[in-house]
Amino acid sequence: MIDSLFLALGIVLIVEGLGPMIAPNGWRHMVAQLSQQPDNQLRRVGGCLVVTGMVIVFMLA
């Protein structure tokens, strides 16, 4: 179980690191735009990402 969690964390870190590695200027611009969004919109996007992740995990487990 703990091995699976570390594997998942490693995959997340790889995916998250691809943006700044491949296109640092585009990534910086995206982060600047996100920082200007209202809190409730960021919460909505975060909630959608969590639900999508849970559905993927449920389908694969």
Protein backbone atom coordinates (compact mmCIF):
# COMPACT_ATOMS: atom_id res chain seq x y z
CA MET A 1 0.00 0.00 0.00
CA ILE A 2 2.70 2.50 0.96
CA ASP A 3 4.63 1.59 -2.19
CA SER A 4 1.60 2.51 -4.29
CA LEU A 5 1.31 5.87 -2.56
CA PHE A 6 4.95 6.68 -3.21
CA LEU A 7 4.57 5.55 -6.82
CA ALA A 8 1.56 7.83 -7.25
CA LEU A 9 3.43 10.72 -5.64
CA GLY A 10 6.37 10.17 -7.97
CA ILE A 11 4.10 10.19 -11.01
CA VAL A 12 2.44 13.42 -9.84
CA LEU A 13 5.83 15.06 -9.36
CA ILE A 14 6.93 14.00 -12.84
CA VAL A 15 3.77 15.37 -14.45
CA GLU A 16 3.90 18.60 -12.44
CA GLY A 17 7.55 19.13 -13.32
CA LEU A 18 7.06 18.79 -17.07
CA GLY A 19 5.45 22.23 -17.46
CA PRO A 20 8.23 24.33 -15.96
CA MET A 21 10.89 22.13 -17.57
CA ILE A 22 9.52 22.24 -21.13
CA ALA A 23 7.98 25.74 -21.25
CA PRO A 24 9.07 27.88 -18.30
CA ASN A 25 7.73 31.17 -19.72
CA GLY A 26 4.32 29.70 -20.52
CA TRP A 27 4.18 28.06 -17.11
CA ARG A 28 5.06 31.35 -15.39
CA HIS A 29 2.35 33.16 -17.40
CA MET A 30 -0.23 30.50 -16.45
CA VAL A 31 0.65 30.75 -12.74
CA ALA A 32 0.38 34.55 -12.91
CA GLN A 33 -3.09 34.25 -14.45
CA LEU A 34 -4.15 31.72 -11.82
CA SER A 35 -3.01 34.01 -9.01
CA GLN A 36 -5.44 36.67 -10.25
CA GLN A 37 -8.48 34.39 -10.16
CA PRO A 38 -11.00 34.71 -7.30
CA ASP A 39 -10.80 32.16 -4.49
CA ASN A 40 -14.15 30.51 -5.22
CA GLN A 41 -13.15 29.85 -8.85
CA LEU A 42 -9.86 28.27 -7.75
CA ARG A 43 -11.77 26.12 -5.26
CA ARG A 44 -14.15 25.01 -8.01
CA VAL A 45 -11.24 24.06 -10.30
CA GLY A 46 -9.48 22.27 -7.43
CA GLY A 47 -12.65 20.38 -6.58
CA CYS A 48 -13.08 19.28 -10.19
CA LEU A 49 -9.48 18.05 -10.26
CA VAL A 50 -9.98 16.09 -7.04
CA VAL A 51 -13.19 14.48 -8.31
CA THR A 52 -11.57 13.62 -11.64
CA GLY A 53 -8.61 12.06 -9.82
CA MET A 54 -10.92 10.06 -7.57
CA VAL A 55 -12.86 8.74 -10.56
CA ILE A 56 -9.62 7.68 -12.27
CA VAL A 57 -8.38 5.95 -9.13
CA PHE A 58 -11.75 4.24 -8.62
CA MET A 59 -11.78 2.98 -12.21
CA LEU A 60 -8.21 1.65 -12.01
CA ALA A 61 -8.37 0.13 -8.53
